[in-house]
Amino acid sequence: VEYLDALSTMTGTMTRSDALELFTL
């Protein structure tokens, strides 16, 4: 949950799909 919260603050203007792509890469 803590790592999820950290990533959620970094999405910015990205779409959810773009954010998931970038995080996974």
mmCIF file of all heavy atoms, coordinates in Angstrom:
data_MODEL
# 
_entry.id   MODEL 
# 
loop_
_atom_site.group_PDB 
_atom_site.id 
_atom_site.type_symbol 
_atom_site.label_atom_id 
_atom_site.label_alt_id 
_atom_site.label_comp_id 
_atom_site.label_asym_id 
_atom_site.label_entity_id 
_atom_site.label_seq_id 
_atom_site.pdbx_PDB_ins_code 
_atom_site.Cartn_x 
_atom_site.Cartn_y 
_atom_site.Cartn_z 
_atom_site.occupancy 
_atom_site.B_iso_or_equiv 
_atom_site.pdbx_formal_charge 
_atom_site.auth_seq_id 
_atom_site.auth_comp_id 
_atom_site.auth_asym_id 
_atom_site.auth_atom_id 
_atom_site.pdbx_PDB_model_num 
ATOM 1   N N   . VAL A 1 1  ? 0.828  -1.209 0.000   1.00 0.00 ? 1  VAL A N   1 
ATOM 2   C CA  . VAL A 1 1  ? 0.000  0.000  0.000   1.00 0.00 ? 1  VAL A CA  1 
ATOM 3   C C   . VAL A 1 1  ? 0.864  1.262  0.000   1.00 0.00 ? 1  VAL A C   1 
ATOM 4   O O   . VAL A 1 1  ? 0.565  2.233  -0.706  1.00 0.00 ? 1  VAL A O   1 
ATOM 5   C CB  . VAL A 1 1  ? -0.946 0.008  1.218   1.00 0.00 ? 1  VAL A CB  1 
ATOM 6   C CG1 . VAL A 1 1  ? -1.706 1.329  1.298   1.00 0.00 ? 1  VAL A CG1 1 
ATOM 7   C CG2 . VAL A 1 1  ? -1.923 -1.164 1.134   1.00 0.00 ? 1  VAL A CG2 1 
ATOM 8   N N   . GLU A 1 2  ? 1.958  1.245  0.749   1.00 0.00 ? 2  GLU A N   1 
ATOM 9   C CA  . GLU A 1 2  ? 2.835  2.419  0.813   1.00 0.00 ? 2  GLU A CA  1 
ATOM 10  C C   . GLU A 1 2  ? 3.499  2.679  -0.538  1.00 0.00 ? 2  GLU A C   1 
ATOM 11  O O   . GLU A 1 2  ? 3.617  3.836  -0.976  1.00 0.00 ? 2  GLU A O   1 
ATOM 12  C CB  . GLU A 1 2  ? 3.886  2.220  1.901   1.00 0.00 ? 2  GLU A CB  1 
ATOM 13  C CG  . GLU A 1 2  ? 3.309  2.253  3.317   1.00 0.00 ? 2  GLU A CG  1 
ATOM 14  C CD  . GLU A 1 2  ? 4.349  1.954  4.376   1.00 0.00 ? 2  GLU A CD  1 
ATOM 15  O OE1 . GLU A 1 2  ? 4.800  0.789  4.451   1.00 0.00 ? 2  GLU A OE1 1 
ATOM 16  O OE2 . GLU A 1 2  ? 4.716  2.871  5.128   1.00 0.00 ? 2  GLU A OE2 1 
ATOM 17  N N   . TYR A 1 3  ? 3.952  1.631  -1.194  1.00 0.00 ? 3  TYR A N   1 
ATOM 18  C CA  . TYR A 1 3  ? 4.539  1.804  -2.531  1.00 0.00 ? 3  TYR A CA  1 
ATOM 19  C C   . TYR A 1 3  ? 3.465  2.234  -3.534  1.00 0.00 ? 3  TYR A C   1 
ATOM 20  O O   . TYR A 1 3  ? 3.729  3.046  -4.434  1.00 0.00 ? 3  TYR A O   1 
ATOM 21  C CB  . TYR A 1 3  ? 5.203  0.505  -2.994  1.00 0.00 ? 3  TYR A CB  1 
ATOM 22  C CG  . TYR A 1 3  ? 6.550  0.287  -2.353  1.00 0.00 ? 3  TYR A CG  1 
ATOM 23  C CD1 . TYR A 1 3  ? 6.716  -0.669 -1.351  1.00 0.00 ? 3  TYR A CD1 1 
ATOM 24  C CD2 . TYR A 1 3  ? 7.657  1.036  -2.734  1.00 0.00 ? 3  TYR A CD2 1 
ATOM 25  C CE1 . TYR A 1 3  ? 7.953  -0.870 -0.754  1.00 0.00 ? 3  TYR A CE1 1 
ATOM 26  C CE2 . TYR A 1 3  ? 8.899  0.844  -2.145  1.00 0.00 ? 3  TYR A CE2 1 
ATOM 27  C CZ  . TYR A 1 3  ? 9.042  -0.103 -1.153  1.00 0.00 ? 3  TYR A CZ  1 
ATOM 28  O OH  . TYR A 1 3  ? 10.266 -0.291 -0.555  1.00 0.00 ? 3  TYR A OH  1 
ATOM 29  N N   . LEU A 1 4  ? 2.262  1.687  -3.384  1.00 0.00 ? 4  LEU A N   1 
ATOM 30  C CA  . LEU A 1 4  ? 1.153  2.084  -4.257  1.00 0.00 ? 4  LEU A CA  1 
ATOM 31  C C   . LEU A 1 4  ? 0.858  3.568  -4.092  1.00 0.00 ? 4  LEU A C   1 
ATOM 32  O O   . LEU A 1 4  ? 0.676  4.293  -5.081  1.00 0.00 ? 4  LEU A O   1 
ATOM 33  C CB  . LEU A 1 4  ? -0.084 1.252  -3.927  1.00 0.00 ? 4  LEU A CB  1 
ATOM 34  C CG  . LEU A 1 4  ? -1.388 1.657  -4.619  1.00 0.00 ? 4  LEU A CG  1 
ATOM 35  C CD1 . LEU A 1 4  ? -1.261 1.521  -6.125  1.00 0.00 ? 4  LEU A CD1 1 
ATOM 36  C CD2 . LEU A 1 4  ? -2.547 0.810  -4.098  1.00 0.00 ? 4  LEU A CD2 1 
ATOM 37  N N   . ASP A 1 5  ? 0.820  4.031  -2.857  1.00 0.00 ? 5  ASP A N   1 
ATOM 38  C CA  . ASP A 1 5  ? 0.559  5.455  -2.603  1.00 0.00 ? 5  ASP A CA  1 
ATOM 39  C C   . ASP A 1 5  ? 1.643  6.334  -3.231  1.00 0.00 ? 5  ASP A C   1 
ATOM 40  O O   . ASP A 1 5  ? 1.352  7.399  -3.792  1.00 0.00 ? 5  ASP A O   1 
ATOM 41  C CB  . ASP A 1 5  ? 0.494  5.715  -1.096  1.00 0.00 ? 5  ASP A CB  1 
ATOM 42  C CG  . ASP A 1 5  ? -0.751 5.116  -0.456  1.00 0.00 ? 5  ASP A CG  1 
ATOM 43  O OD1 . ASP A 1 5  ? -1.698 4.808  -1.195  1.00 0.00 ? 5  ASP A OD1 1 
ATOM 44  O OD2 . ASP A 1 5  ? -0.762 4.937  0.783   1.00 0.00 ? 5  ASP A OD2 1 
ATOM 45  N N   . ALA A 1 6  ? 2.900  5.868  -3.130  1.00 0.00 ? 6  ALA A N   1 
ATOM 46  C CA  . ALA A 1 6  ? 4.009  6.639  -3.700  1.00 0.00 ? 6  ALA A CA  1 
ATOM 47  C C   . ALA A 1 6  ? 3.865  6.761  -5.210  1.00 0.00 ? 6  ALA A C   1 
ATOM 48  O O   . ALA A 1 6  ? 4.029  7.848  -5.786  1.00 0.00 ? 6  ALA A O   1 
ATOM 49  C CB  . ALA A 1 6  ? 5.339  5.987  -3.333  1.00 0.00 ? 6  ALA A CB  1 
ATOM 50  N N   . LEU A 1 7  ? 3.536  5.653  -5.879  1.00 0.00 ? 7  LEU A N   1 
ATOM 51  C CA  . LEU A 1 7  ? 3.381  5.685  -7.335  1.00 0.00 ? 7  LEU A CA  1 
ATOM 52  C C   . LEU A 1 7  ? 2.172  6.516  -7.754  1.00 0.00 ? 7  LEU A C   1 
ATOM 53  O O   . LEU A 1 7  ? 2.210  7.215  -8.777  1.00 0.00 ? 7  LEU A O   1 
ATOM 54  C CB  . LEU A 1 7  ? 3.246  4.259  -7.879  1.00 0.00 ? 7  LEU A CB  1 
ATOM 55  C CG  . LEU A 1 7  ? 4.503  3.383  -7.831  1.00 0.00 ? 7  LEU A CG  1 
ATOM 56  C CD1 . LEU A 1 7  ? 4.194  1.990  -8.353  1.00 0.00 ? 7  LEU A CD1 1 
ATOM 57  C CD2 . LEU A 1 7  ? 5.632  4.007  -8.642  1.00 0.00 ? 7  LEU A CD2 1 
ATOM 58  N N   . SER A 1 8  ? 1.115  6.448  -6.967  1.00 0.00 ? 8  SER A N   1 
ATOM 59  C CA  . SER A 1 8  ? -0.113 7.174  -7.320  1.00 0.00 ? 8  SER A CA  1 
ATOM 60  C C   . SER A 1 8  ? 0.109  8.680  -7.352  1.00 0.00 ? 8  SER A C   1 
ATOM 61  O O   . SER A 1 8  ? -0.583 9.404  -8.078  1.00 0.00 ? 8  SER A O   1 
ATOM 62  C CB  . SER A 1 8  ? -1.231 6.824  -6.343  1.00 0.00 ? 8  SER A CB  1 
ATOM 63  O OG  . SER A 1 8  ? -1.557 5.447  -6.430  1.00 0.00 ? 8  SER A OG  1 
ATOM 64  N N   . THR A 1 9  ? 1.070  9.160  -6.581  1.00 0.00 ? 9  THR A N   1 
ATOM 65  C CA  . THR A 1 9  ? 1.367  10.604 -6.580  1.00 0.00 ? 9  THR A CA  1 
ATOM 66  C C   . THR A 1 9  ? 2.207  11.017 -7.782  1.00 0.00 ? 9  THR A C   1 
ATOM 67  O O   . THR A 1 9  ? 2.439  12.211 -7.991  1.00 0.00 ? 9  THR A O   1 
ATOM 68  C CB  . THR A 1 9  ? 2.108  11.001 -5.288  1.00 0.00 ? 9  THR A CB  1 
ATOM 69  O OG1 . THR A 1 9  ? 3.381  10.336 -5.245  1.00 0.00 ? 9  THR A OG1 1 
ATOM 70  C CG2 . THR A 1 9  ? 1.305  10.617 -4.056  1.00 0.00 ? 9  THR A CG2 1 
ATOM 71  N N   . MET A 1 10 ? 2.691  10.040 -8.544  1.00 0.00 ? 10 MET A N   1 
ATOM 72  C CA  . MET A 1 10 ? 3.600  10.337 -9.650  1.00 0.00 ? 10 MET A CA  1 
ATOM 73  C C   . MET A 1 10 ? 2.946  10.214 -11.019 1.00 0.00 ? 10 MET A C   1 
ATOM 74  O O   . MET A 1 10 ? 3.621  10.307 -12.040 1.00 0.00 ? 10 MET A O   1 
ATOM 75  C CB  . MET A 1 10 ? 4.812  9.396  -9.589  1.00 0.00 ? 10 MET A CB  1 
ATOM 76  C CG  . MET A 1 10 ? 5.613  9.525  -8.309  1.00 0.00 ? 10 MET A CG  1 
ATOM 77  S SD  . MET A 1 10 ? 6.970  8.325  -8.223  1.00 0.00 ? 10 MET A SD  1 
ATOM 78  C CE  . MET A 1 10 ? 7.519  8.561  -6.529  1.00 0.00 ? 10 MET A CE  1 
ATOM 79  N N   . THR A 1 11 ? 1.640  9.994  -11.050 1.00 0.00 ? 11 THR A N   1 
ATOM 80  C CA  . THR A 1 11 ? 0.981  9.820  -12.349 1.00 0.00 ? 11 THR A CA  1 
ATOM 81  C C   . THR A 1 11 ? 0.883  11.135 -13.119 1.00 0.00 ? 11 THR A C   1 
ATOM 82  O O   . THR A 1 11 ? 0.900  11.135 -14.352 1.00 0.00 ? 11 THR A O   1 
ATOM 83  C CB  . THR A 1 11 ? -0.429 9.231  -12.163 1.00 0.00 ? 11 THR A CB  1 
ATOM 84  O OG1 . THR A 1 11 ? -1.177 10.083 -11.289 1.00 0.00 ? 11 THR A OG1 1 
ATOM 85  C CG2 . THR A 1 11 ? -0.354 7.836  -11.576 1.00 0.00 ? 11 THR A CG2 1 
ATOM 86  N N   . GLY A 1 12 ? 0.789  12.245 -12.382 1.00 0.00 ? 12 GLY A N   1 
ATOM 87  C CA  . GLY A 1 12 ? 0.729  13.545 -13.060 1.00 0.00 ? 12 GLY A CA  1 
ATOM 88  C C   . GLY A 1 12 ? -0.412 13.604 -14.051 1.00 0.00 ? 12 GLY A C   1 
ATOM 89  O O   . GLY A 1 12 ? -1.550 13.244 -13.753 1.00 0.00 ? 12 GLY A O   1 
ATOM 90  N N   . THR A 1 13 ? -0.095 14.031 -15.279 1.00 0.00 ? 13 THR A N   1 
ATOM 91  C CA  . THR A 1 13 ? -1.110 14.144 -16.327 1.00 0.00 ? 13 THR A CA  1 
ATOM 92  C C   . THR A 1 13 ? -1.201 12.874 -17.176 1.00 0.00 ? 13 THR A C   1 
ATOM 93  O O   . THR A 1 13 ? -1.949 12.839 -18.149 1.00 0.00 ? 13 THR A O   1 
ATOM 94  C CB  . THR A 1 13 ? -0.794 15.334 -17.246 1.00 0.00 ? 13 THR A CB  1 
ATOM 95  O OG1 . THR A 1 13 ? 0.507  15.151 -17.826 1.00 0.00 ? 13 THR A OG1 1 
ATOM 96  C CG2 . THR A 1 13 ? -0.834 16.640 -16.472 1.00 0.00 ? 13 THR A CG2 1 
ATOM 97  N N   . MET A 1 14 ? -0.441 11.849 -16.808 1.00 0.00 ? 14 MET A N   1 
ATOM 98  C CA  . MET A 1 14 ? -0.476 10.603 -17.573 1.00 0.00 ? 14 MET A CA  1 
ATOM 99  C C   . MET A 1 14 ? -1.836 9.921  -17.445 1.00 0.00 ? 14 MET A C   1 
ATOM 100 O O   . MET A 1 14 ? -2.490 10.008 -16.409 1.00 0.00 ? 14 MET A O   1 
ATOM 101 C CB  . MET A 1 14 ? 0.600  9.628  -17.078 1.00 0.00 ? 14 MET A CB  1 
ATOM 102 C CG  . MET A 1 14 ? 2.016  9.955  -17.457 1.00 0.00 ? 14 MET A CG  1 
ATOM 103 S SD  . MET A 1 14 ? 3.175  8.622  -16.978 1.00 0.00 ? 14 MET A SD  1 
ATOM 104 C CE  . MET A 1 14 ? 3.233  8.863  -15.191 1.00 0.00 ? 14 MET A CE  1 
ATOM 105 N N   . THR A 1 15 ? -2.241 9.213  -18.490 1.00 0.00 ? 15 THR A N   1 
ATOM 106 C CA  . THR A 1 15 ? -3.401 8.339  -18.368 1.00 0.00 ? 15 THR A CA  1 
ATOM 107 C C   . THR A 1 15 ? -3.008 7.161  -17.488 1.00 0.00 ? 15 THR A C   1 
ATOM 108 O O   . THR A 1 15 ? -1.818 6.897  -17.267 1.00 0.00 ? 15 THR A O   1 
ATOM 109 C CB  . THR A 1 15 ? -3.847 7.802  -19.743 1.00 0.00 ? 15 THR A CB  1 
ATOM 110 O OG1 . THR A 1 15 ? -2.805 6.960  -20.285 1.00 0.00 ? 15 THR A OG1 1 
ATOM 111 C CG2 . THR A 1 15 ? -4.140 8.944  -20.707 1.00 0.00 ? 15 THR A CG2 1 
ATOM 112 N N   . ARG A 1 16 ? -3.998 6.448  -16.985 1.00 0.00 ? 16 ARG A N   1 
ATOM 113 C CA  . ARG A 1 16 ? -3.695 5.276  -16.153 1.00 0.00 ? 16 ARG A CA  1 
ATOM 114 C C   . ARG A 1 16 ? -2.883 4.243  -16.933 1.00 0.00 ? 16 ARG A C   1 
ATOM 115 O O   . ARG A 1 16 ? -1.972 3.620  -16.401 1.00 0.00 ? 16 ARG A O   1 
ATOM 116 C CB  . ARG A 1 16 ? -4.989 4.637  -15.651 1.00 0.00 ? 16 ARG A CB  1 
ATOM 117 C CG  . ARG A 1 16 ? -5.829 5.510  -14.761 1.00 0.00 ? 16 ARG A CG  1 
ATOM 118 C CD  . ARG A 1 16 ? -5.197 5.757  -13.416 1.00 0.00 ? 16 ARG A CD  1 
ATOM 119 N NE  . ARG A 1 16 ? -5.115 4.560  -12.594 1.00 0.00 ? 16 ARG A NE  1 
ATOM 120 C CZ  . ARG A 1 16 ? -4.698 4.557  -11.331 1.00 0.00 ? 16 ARG A CZ  1 
ATOM 121 N NH1 . ARG A 1 16 ? -4.333 5.683  -10.762 1.00 0.00 ? 16 ARG A NH1 1 
ATOM 122 N NH2 . ARG A 1 16 ? -4.645 3.438  -10.639 1.00 0.00 ? 16 ARG A NH2 1 
ATOM 123 N N   . SER A 1 17 ? -3.208 4.073  -18.205 1.00 0.00 ? 17 SER A N   1 
ATOM 124 C CA  . SER A 1 17 ? -2.490 3.088  -19.024 1.00 0.00 ? 17 SER A CA  1 
ATOM 125 C C   . SER A 1 17 ? -1.036 3.497  -19.230 1.00 0.00 ? 17 SER A C   1 
ATOM 126 O O   . SER A 1 17 ? -0.126 2.672  -19.123 1.00 0.00 ? 17 SER A O   1 
ATOM 127 C CB  . SER A 1 17 ? -3.184 2.909  -20.374 1.00 0.00 ? 17 SER A CB  1 
ATOM 128 O OG  . SER A 1 17 ? -4.468 2.364  -20.215 1.00 0.00 ? 17 SER A OG  1 
ATOM 129 N N   . ASP A 1 18 ? -0.813 4.789  -19.548 1.00 0.00 ? 18 ASP A N   1 
ATOM 130 C CA  . ASP A 1 18 ? 0.557  5.266  -19.735 1.00 0.00 ? 18 ASP A CA  1 
ATOM 131 C C   . ASP A 1 18 ? 1.362  5.118  -18.446 1.00 0.00 ? 18 ASP A C   1 
ATOM 132 O O   . ASP A 1 18 ? 2.538  4.727  -18.472 1.00 0.00 ? 18 ASP A O   1 
ATOM 133 C CB  . ASP A 1 18 ? 0.551  6.737  -20.169 1.00 0.00 ? 18 ASP A CB  1 
ATOM 134 C CG  . ASP A 1 18 ? 0.200  6.906  -21.640 1.00 0.00 ? 18 ASP A CG  1 
ATOM 135 O OD1 . ASP A 1 18 ? 0.227  5.898  -22.372 1.00 0.00 ? 18 ASP A OD1 1 
ATOM 136 O OD2 . ASP A 1 18 ? -0.117 8.039  -22.051 1.00 0.00 ? 18 ASP A OD2 1 
ATOM 137 N N   . ALA A 1 19 ? 0.729  5.446  -17.317 1.00 0.00 ? 19 ALA A N   1 
ATOM 138 C CA  . ALA A 1 19 ? 1.425  5.337  -16.032 1.00 0.00 ? 19 ALA A CA  1 
ATOM 139 C C   . ALA A 1 19 ? 1.801  3.895  -15.740 1.00 0.00 ? 19 ALA A C   1 
ATOM 140 O O   . ALA A 1 19 ? 2.928  3.605  -15.320 1.00 0.00 ? 19 ALA A O   1 
ATOM 141 C CB  . ALA A 1 19 ? 0.542  5.895  -14.911 1.00 0.00 ? 19 ALA A CB  1 
ATOM 142 N N   . LEU A 1 20 ? 0.867  2.971  -15.978 1.00 0.00 ? 20 LEU A N   1 
ATOM 143 C CA  . LEU A 1 20 ? 1.157  1.559  -15.717 1.00 0.00 ? 20 LEU A CA  1 
ATOM 144 C C   . LEU A 1 20 ? 2.265  1.059  -16.641 1.00 0.00 ? 20 LEU A C   1 
ATOM 145 O O   . LEU A 1 20 ? 3.137  0.288  -16.217 1.00 0.00 ? 20 LEU A O   1 
ATOM 146 C CB  . LEU A 1 20 ? -0.110 0.717  -15.899 1.00 0.00 ? 20 LEU A CB  1 
ATOM 147 C CG  . LEU A 1 20 ? 0.032  -0.774 -15.575 1.00 0.00 ? 20 LEU A CG  1 
ATOM 148 C CD1 . LEU A 1 20 ? 0.484  -0.985 -14.134 1.00 0.00 ? 20 LEU A CD1 1 
ATOM 149 C CD2 . LEU A 1 20 ? -1.283 -1.512 -15.839 1.00 0.00 ? 20 LEU A CD2 1 
ATOM 150 N N   . GLU A 1 21 ? 2.251  1.487  -17.898 1.00 0.00 ? 21 GLU A N   1 
ATOM 151 C CA  . GLU A 1 21 ? 3.320  1.109  -18.834 1.00 0.00 ? 21 GLU A CA  1 
ATOM 152 C C   . GLU A 1 21 ? 4.676  1.577  -18.318 1.00 0.00 ? 21 GLU A C   1 
ATOM 153 O O   . GLU A 1 21 ? 5.645  0.809  -18.278 1.00 0.00 ? 21 GLU A O   1 
ATOM 154 C CB  . GLU A 1 21 ? 3.066  1.735  -20.212 1.00 0.00 ? 21 GLU A CB  1 
ATOM 155 C CG  . GLU A 1 21 ? 2.133  0.958  -21.104 1.00 0.00 ? 21 GLU A CG  1 
ATOM 156 C CD  . GLU A 1 21 ? 2.147  1.498  -22.518 1.00 0.00 ? 21 GLU A CD  1 
ATOM 157 O OE1 . GLU A 1 21 ? 3.185  2.044  -22.948 1.00 0.00 ? 21 GLU A OE1 1 
ATOM 158 O OE2 . GLU A 1 21 ? 1.119  1.374  -23.212 1.00 0.00 ? 21 GLU A OE2 1 
ATOM 159 N N   . LEU A 1 22 ? 4.746  2.852  -17.928 1.00 0.00 ? 22 LEU A N   1 
ATOM 160 C CA  . LEU A 1 22 ? 6.015  3.420  -17.492 1.00 0.00 ? 22 LEU A CA  1 
ATOM 161 C C   . LEU A 1 22 ? 6.496  2.765  -16.199 1.00 0.00 ? 22 LEU A C   1 
ATOM 162 O O   . LEU A 1 22 ? 7.675  2.420  -16.069 1.00 0.00 ? 22 LEU A O   1 
ATOM 163 C CB  . LEU A 1 22 ? 5.867  4.936  -17.305 1.00 0.00 ? 22 LEU A CB  1 
ATOM 164 C CG  . LEU A 1 22 ? 7.148  5.702  -16.959 1.00 0.00 ? 22 LEU A CG  1 
ATOM 165 C CD1 . LEU A 1 22 ? 8.223  5.486  -18.022 1.00 0.00 ? 22 LEU A CD1 1 
ATOM 166 C CD2 . LEU A 1 22 ? 6.850  7.187  -16.789 1.00 0.00 ? 22 LEU A CD2 1 
ATOM 167 N N   . PHE A 1 23 ? 5.602  2.580  -15.235 1.00 0.00 ? 23 PHE A N   1 
ATOM 168 C CA  . PHE A 1 23 ? 5.980  1.955  -13.966 1.00 0.00 ? 23 PHE A CA  1 
ATOM 169 C C   . PHE A 1 23 ? 6.476  0.527  -14.183 1.00 0.00 ? 23 PHE A C   1 
ATOM 170 O O   . PHE A 1 23 ? 7.470  0.105  -13.589 1.00 0.00 ? 23 PHE A O   1 
ATOM 171 C CB  . PHE A 1 23 ? 4.783  1.941  -13.001 1.00 0.00 ? 23 PHE A CB  1 
ATOM 172 C CG  . PHE A 1 23 ? 4.297  3.300  -12.584 1.00 0.00 ? 23 PHE A CG  1 
ATOM 173 C CD1 . PHE A 1 23 ? 3.026  3.466  -12.055 1.00 0.00 ? 23 PHE A CD1 1 
ATOM 174 C CD2 . PHE A 1 23 ? 5.103  4.426  -12.715 1.00 0.00 ? 23 PHE A CD2 1 
ATOM 175 C CE1 . PHE A 1 23 ? 2.570  4.709  -11.659 1.00 0.00 ? 23 PHE A CE1 1 
ATOM 176 C CE2 . PHE A 1 23 ? 4.657  5.694  -12.329 1.00 0.00 ? 23 PHE A CE2 1 
ATOM 177 C CZ  . PHE A 1 23 ? 3.379  5.819  -11.803 1.00 0.00 ? 23 PHE A CZ  1 
ATOM 178 N N   . THR A 1 24 ? 5.779  -0.222 -15.043 1.00 0.00 ? 24 THR A N   1 
ATOM 179 C CA  . THR A 1 24 ? 6.165  -1.613 -15.291 1.00 0.00 ? 24 THR A CA  1 
ATOM 180 C C   . THR A 1 24 ? 7.510  -1.685 -15.993 1.00 0.00 ? 24 THR A C   1 
ATOM 181 O O   . THR A 1 24 ? 8.360  -2.522 -15.653 1.00 0.00 ? 24 THR A O   1 
ATOM 182 C CB  . THR A 1 24 ? 5.088  -2.318 -16.146 1.00 0.00 ? 24 THR A CB  1 
ATOM 183 O OG1 . THR A 1 24 ? 3.820  -2.225 -15.485 1.00 0.00 ? 24 THR A OG1 1 
ATOM 184 C CG2 . THR A 1 24 ? 5.433  -3.790 -16.348 1.00 0.00 ? 24 THR A CG2 1 
ATOM 185 N N   . LEU A 1 25 ? 7.711  -0.804 -16.970 1.00 0.00 ? 25 LEU A N   1 
ATOM 186 C CA  . LEU A 1 25 ? 8.990  -0.780 -17.683 1.00 0.00 ? 25 LEU A CA  1 
ATOM 187 C C   . LEU A 1 25 ? 10.144 -0.502 -16.719 1.00 0.00 ? 25 LEU A C   1 
ATOM 188 O O   . LEU A 1 25 ? 11.174 -1.193 -16.744 1.00 0.00 ? 25 LEU A O   1 
ATOM 189 C CB  . LEU A 1 25 ? 8.954  0.281  -18.780 1.00 0.00 ? 25 LEU A CB  1 
ATOM 190 C CG  . LEU A 1 25 ? 10.265 0.459  -19.553 1.00 0.00 ? 25 LEU A CG  1 
ATOM 191 C CD1 . LEU A 1 25 ? 10.527 -0.738 -20.449 1.00 0.00 ? 25 LEU A CD1 1 
ATOM 192 C CD2 . LEU A 1 25 ? 10.254 1.745  -20.362 1.00 0.00 ? 25 LEU A CD2 1 
# 
